[in-house]
Amino acid sequence: MITEQEMFLFIKELGSLLRDYKKCNEELLRQEIHKDILLLSAVIYDGKGDIH
């Protein structure tokens, strides 16, 4: 389980990744950012993100 503070940090980082993805023009870097977005989204939304 993740803490409320960890959830806040994950959501903040997800926002940063989304901004970077939108700005990025280099396809290989965009793909890596996309992988990070998917990974972090899975951590937040897979049902194990209950705040304790």
PDB file of N, CA and C in Angstrom:
ATOM      1  N   MET A   1       0.833  -1.179   0.000  1.00  0.00           N
ATOM      2  CA  MET A   1       0.000   0.000   0.000  1.00  0.00           C
ATOM      3  C   MET A   1       0.885   1.251   0.000  1.00  0.00           C
ATOM      4  N   ILE A   2       0.374   2.281  -0.609  1.00  0.00           N
ATOM      5  CA  ILE A   2       1.147   3.514  -0.645  1.00  0.00           C
ATOM      6  C   ILE A   2       0.520   4.540   0.296  1.00  0.00           C
ATOM      7  N   THR A   3       1.377   5.396   0.799  1.00  0.00           N
ATOM      8  CA  THR A   3       0.914   6.421   1.726  1.00  0.00           C
ATOM      9  C   THR A   3       0.317   7.599   0.960  1.00  0.00           C
ATOM     10  N   GLU A   4      -0.374   8.459   1.683  1.00  0.00           N
ATOM     11  CA  GLU A   4      -0.948   9.657   1.076  1.00  0.00           C
ATOM     12  C   GLU A   4       0.145  10.536   0.478  1.00  0.00           C
ATOM     13  N   GLN A   5       1.279  10.658   1.169  1.00  0.00           N
ATOM     14  CA  GLN A   5       2.398  11.466   0.678  1.00  0.00           C
ATOM     15  C   GLN A   5       2.971  10.866  -0.605  1.00  0.00           C
ATOM     16  N   GLU A   6       3.106   9.550  -0.650  1.00  0.00           N
ATOM     17  CA  GLU A   6       3.612   8.903  -1.857  1.00  0.00           C
ATOM     18  C   GLU A   6       2.649   9.108  -3.023  1.00  0.00           C
ATOM     19  N   MET A   7       1.356   8.975  -2.756  1.00  0.00           N
ATOM     20  CA  MET A   7       0.351   9.185  -3.805  1.00  0.00           C
ATOM     21  C   MET A   7       0.449  10.594  -4.365  1.00  0.00           C
ATOM     22  N   PHE A   8       0.593  11.581  -3.490  1.00  0.00           N
ATOM     23  CA  PHE A   8       0.746  12.964  -3.923  1.00  0.00           C
ATOM     24  C   PHE A   8       1.963  13.110  -4.835  1.00  0.00           C
ATOM     25  N   LEU A   9       3.089  12.518  -4.438  1.00  0.00           N
ATOM     26  CA  LEU A   9       4.306  12.612  -5.241  1.00  0.00           C
ATOM     27  C   LEU A   9       4.155  11.902  -6.581  1.00  0.00           C
ATOM     28  N   PHE A  10       3.487  10.751  -6.585  1.00  0.00           N
ATOM     29  CA  PHE A  10       3.282  10.015  -7.839  1.00  0.00           C
ATOM     30  C   PHE A  10       2.406  10.815  -8.799  1.00  0.00           C
ATOM     31  N   ILE A  11       1.357  11.421  -8.290  1.00  0.00           N
ATOM     32  CA  ILE A  11       0.463  12.207  -9.142  1.00  0.00           C
ATOM     33  C   ILE A  11       1.185  13.446  -9.666  1.00  0.00           C
ATOM     34  N   LYS A  12       1.977  14.075  -8.819  1.00  0.00           N
ATOM     35  CA  LYS A  12       2.757  15.236  -9.241  1.00  0.00           C
ATOM     36  C   LYS A  12       3.737  14.844 -10.344  1.00  0.00           C
ATOM     37  N   GLU A  13       4.407  13.720 -10.183  1.00  0.00           N
ATOM     38  CA  GLU A  13       5.359  13.247 -11.190  1.00  0.00           C
ATOM     39  C   GLU A  13       4.637  12.876 -12.477  1.00  0.00           C
ATOM     40  N   LEU A  14       3.467  12.288 -12.370  1.00  0.00           N
ATOM     41  CA  LEU A  14       2.692  11.942 -13.555  1.00  0.00           C
ATOM     42  C   LEU A  14       2.357  13.196 -14.361  1.00  0.00           C
ATOM     43  N   GLY A  15       1.997  14.255 -13.679  1.00  0.00           N
ATOM     44  CA  GLY A  15       1.732  15.525 -14.350  1.00  0.00           C
ATOM     45  C   GLY A  15       2.961  16.047 -15.076  1.00  0.00           C
ATOM     46  N   SER A  16       4.112  15.941 -14.441  1.00  0.00           N
ATOM     47  CA  SER A  16       5.365  16.380 -15.074  1.00  0.00           C
ATOM     48  C   SER A  16       5.669  15.552 -16.314  1.00  0.00           C
ATOM     49  N   LEU A  17       5.478  14.248 -16.210  1.00  0.00           N
ATOM     50  CA  LEU A  17       5.717  13.373 -17.356  1.00  0.00           C
ATOM     51  C   LEU A  17       4.775  13.704 -18.510  1.00  0.00           C
ATOM     52  N   LEU A  18       3.522  13.969 -18.205  1.00  0.00           N
ATOM     53  CA  LEU A  18       2.565  14.314 -19.257  1.00  0.00           C
ATOM     54  C   LEU A  18       2.946  15.617 -19.957  1.00  0.00           C
ATOM     55  N   ARG A  19       3.404  16.597 -19.192  1.00  0.00           N
ATOM     56  CA  ARG A  19       3.858  17.860 -19.789  1.00  0.00           C
ATOM     57  C   ARG A  19       5.079  17.619 -20.674  1.00  0.00           C
ATOM     58  N   ASP A  20       6.032  16.831 -20.174  1.00  0.00           N
ATOM     59  CA  ASP A  20       7.227  16.521 -20.958  1.00  0.00           C
ATOM     60  C   ASP A  20       6.866  15.798 -22.250  1.00  0.00           C
ATOM     61  N   TYR A  21       5.931  14.865 -22.153  1.00  0.00           N
ATOM     62  CA  TYR A  21       5.504  14.097 -23.328  1.00  0.00           C
ATOM     63  C   TYR A  21       4.918  15.024 -24.393  1.00  0.00           C
ATOM     64  N   LYS A  22       4.070  15.961 -23.972  1.00  0.00           N
ATOM     65  CA  LYS A  22       3.440  16.877 -24.922  1.00  0.00           C
ATOM     66  C   LYS A  22       4.450  17.785 -25.606  1.00  0.00           C
ATOM     67  N   LYS A  23       5.500  18.169 -24.878  1.00  0.00           N
ATOM     68  CA  LYS A  23       6.500  19.094 -25.413  1.00  0.00           C
ATOM     69  C   LYS A  23       7.554  18.406 -26.280  1.00  0.00           C
ATOM     70  N   CYS A  24       7.750  17.127 -26.080  1.00  0.00           N
ATOM     71  CA  CYS A  24       8.866  16.414 -26.694  1.00  0.00           C
ATOM     72  C   CYS A  24       8.613  16.158 -28.182  1.00  0.00           C
ATOM     73  N   ASN A  25       9.624  16.465 -28.992  1.00  0.00           N
ATOM     74  CA  ASN A  25       9.547  16.236 -30.429  1.00  0.00           C
ATOM     75  C   ASN A  25      10.396  15.050 -30.870  1.00  0.00           C
ATOM     76  N   GLU A  26      11.211  14.514 -29.987  1.00  0.00           N
ATOM     77  CA  GLU A  26      12.090  13.397 -30.310  1.00  0.00           C
ATOM     78  C   GLU A  26      11.358  12.084 -30.029  1.00  0.00           C
ATOM     79  N   GLU A  27      11.133  11.302 -31.079  1.00  0.00           N
ATOM     80  CA  GLU A  27      10.279  10.114 -30.979  1.00  0.00           C
ATOM     81  C   GLU A  27      10.789   9.086 -29.972  1.00  0.00           C
ATOM     82  N   LEU A  28      12.078   8.798 -29.951  1.00  0.00           N
ATOM     83  CA  LEU A  28      12.597   7.797 -29.018  1.00  0.00           C
ATOM     84  C   LEU A  28      12.418   8.234 -27.571  1.00  0.00           C
ATOM     85  N   LEU A  29      12.658   9.492 -27.297  1.00  0.00           N
ATOM     86  CA  LEU A  29      12.473  10.020 -25.948  1.00  0.00           C
ATOM     87  C   LEU A  29      10.992  10.011 -25.572  1.00  0.00           C
ATOM     88  N   ARG A  30      10.139  10.351 -26.525  1.00  0.00           N
ATOM     89  CA  ARG A  30       8.689  10.309 -26.290  1.00  0.00           C
ATOM     90  C   ARG A  30       8.247   8.906 -25.903  1.00  0.00           C
ATOM     91  N   GLN A  31       8.794   7.904 -26.564  1.00  0.00           N
ATOM     92  CA  GLN A  31       8.438   6.516 -26.252  1.00  0.00           C
ATOM     93  C   GLN A  31       8.860   6.154 -24.830  1.00  0.00           C
ATOM     94  N   GLU A  32      10.024   6.608 -24.410  1.00  0.00           N
ATOM     95  CA  GLU A  32      10.491   6.325 -23.052  1.00  0.00           C
ATOM     96  C   GLU A  32       9.627   7.035 -22.014  1.00  0.00           C
ATOM     97  N   ILE A  33       9.257   8.263 -22.302  1.00  0.00           N
ATOM     98  CA  ILE A  33       8.374   9.003 -21.396  1.00  0.00           C
ATOM     99  C   ILE A  33       7.027   8.292 -21.323  1.00  0.00           C
ATOM    100  N   HIS A  34       6.535   7.818 -22.457  1.00  0.00           N
ATOM    101  CA  HIS A  34       5.252   7.103 -22.490  1.00  0.00           C
ATOM    102  C   HIS A  34       5.315   5.845 -21.619  1.00  0.00           C
ATOM    103  N   LYS A  35       6.398   5.110 -21.681  1.00  0.00           N
ATOM    104  CA  LYS A  35       6.574   3.922 -20.831  1.00  0.00           C
ATOM    105  C   LYS A  35       6.513   4.302 -19.354  1.00  0.00           C
ATOM    106  N   ASP A  36       7.179   5.405 -19.001  1.00  0.00           N
ATOM    107  CA  ASP A  36       7.165   5.866 -17.612  1.00  0.00           C
ATOM    108  C   ASP A  36       5.756   6.268 -17.177  1.00  0.00           C
ATOM    109  N   ILE A  37       5.016   6.911 -18.078  1.00  0.00           N
ATOM    110  CA  ILE A  37       3.638   7.303 -17.775  1.00  0.00           C
ATOM    111  C   ILE A  37       2.786   6.068 -17.505  1.00  0.00           C
ATOM    112  N   LEU A  38       2.923   5.055 -18.344  1.00  0.00           N
ATOM    113  CA  LEU A  38       2.145   3.828 -18.162  1.00  0.00           C
ATOM    114  C   LEU A  38       2.503   3.127 -16.854  1.00  0.00           C
ATOM    115  N   LEU A  39       3.785   3.069 -16.547  1.00  0.00           N
ATOM    116  CA  LEU A  39       4.227   2.414 -15.319  1.00  0.00           C
ATOM    117  C   LEU A  39       3.696   3.138 -14.084  1.00  0.00           C
ATOM    118  N   LEU A  40       3.856   4.436 -14.063  1.00  0.00           N
ATOM    119  CA  LEU A  40       3.393   5.212 -12.916  1.00  0.00           C
ATOM    120  C   LEU A  40       1.870   5.177 -12.806  1.00  0.00           C
ATOM    121  N   SER A  41       1.179   5.203 -13.926  1.00  0.00           N
ATOM    122  CA  SER A  41      -0.280   5.101 -13.911  1.00  0.00           C
ATOM    123  C   SER A  41      -0.725   3.767 -13.322  1.00  0.00           C
ATOM    124  N   ALA A  42      -0.019   2.710 -13.661  1.00  0.00           N
ATOM    125  CA  ALA A  42      -0.359   1.389 -13.129  1.00  0.00           C
ATOM    126  C   ALA A  42      -0.195   1.360 -11.619  1.00  0.00           C
ATOM    127  N   VAL A  43       0.841   1.995 -11.125  1.00  0.00           N
ATOM    128  CA  VAL A  43       1.069   2.040  -9.670  1.00  0.00           C
ATOM    129  C   VAL A  43      -0.070   2.796  -8.994  1.00  0.00           C
ATOM    130  N   ILE A  44      -0.490   3.886  -9.601  1.00  0.00           N
ATOM    131  CA  ILE A  44      -1.523   4.724  -8.996  1.00  0.00           C
ATOM    132  C   ILE A  44      -2.902   4.068  -9.102  1.00  0.00           C
ATOM    133  N   TYR A  45      -3.220   3.471 -10.247  1.00  0.00           N
ATOM    134  CA  TYR A  45      -4.600   3.080 -10.548  1.00  0.00           C
ATOM    135  C   TYR A  45      -4.876   1.582 -10.525  1.00  0.00           C
ATOM    136  N   ASP A  46      -3.937   0.749 -10.157  1.00  0.00           N
ATOM    137  CA  ASP A  46      -4.176  -0.691 -10.276  1.00  0.00           C
ATOM    138  C   ASP A  46      -4.937  -1.290  -9.099  1.00  0.00           C
ATOM    139  N   GLY A  47      -5.430  -0.444  -8.226  1.00  0.00           N
ATOM    140  CA  GLY A  47      -6.180  -0.954  -7.095  1.00  0.00           C
ATOM    141  C   GLY A  47      -5.331  -1.142  -5.859  1.00  0.00           C
ATOM    142  N   LYS A  48      -4.014  -1.054  -6.016  1.00  0.00           N
ATOM    143  CA  LYS A  48      -3.126  -1.154  -4.866  1.00  0.00           C
ATOM    144  C   LYS A  48      -2.758   0.225  -4.364  1.00  0.00           C
ATOM    145  N   GLY A  49      -3.326   1.241  -4.973  1.00  0.00           N
ATOM    146  CA  GLY A  49      -3.016   2.600  -4.593  1.00  0.00           C
ATOM    147  C   GLY A  49      -3.851   3.113  -3.443  1.00  0.00           C
ATOM    148  N   ASP A  50      -4.413   2.188  -2.655  1.00  0.00           N
ATOM    149  CA  ASP A  50      -5.167   2.618  -1.481  1.00  0.00           C
ATOM    150  C   ASP A  50      -4.266   3.395  -0.542  1.00  0.00           C
ATOM    151  N   ILE A  51      -4.750   4.511  -0.075  1.00  0.00           N
ATOM    152  CA  ILE A  51      -3.962   5.356   0.816  1.00  0.00           C
ATOM    153  C   ILE A  51      -4.148   4.887   2.250  1.00  0.00           C
ATOM    154  N   HIS A  52      -3.046   4.652   2.935  1.00  0.00           N
ATOM    155  CA  HIS A  52      -3.099   4.233   4.350  1.00  0.00           C
ATOM    156  C   HIS A  52      -2.249   5.156   5.177  1.00  0.00           C
TER     157      HIS A  52
END
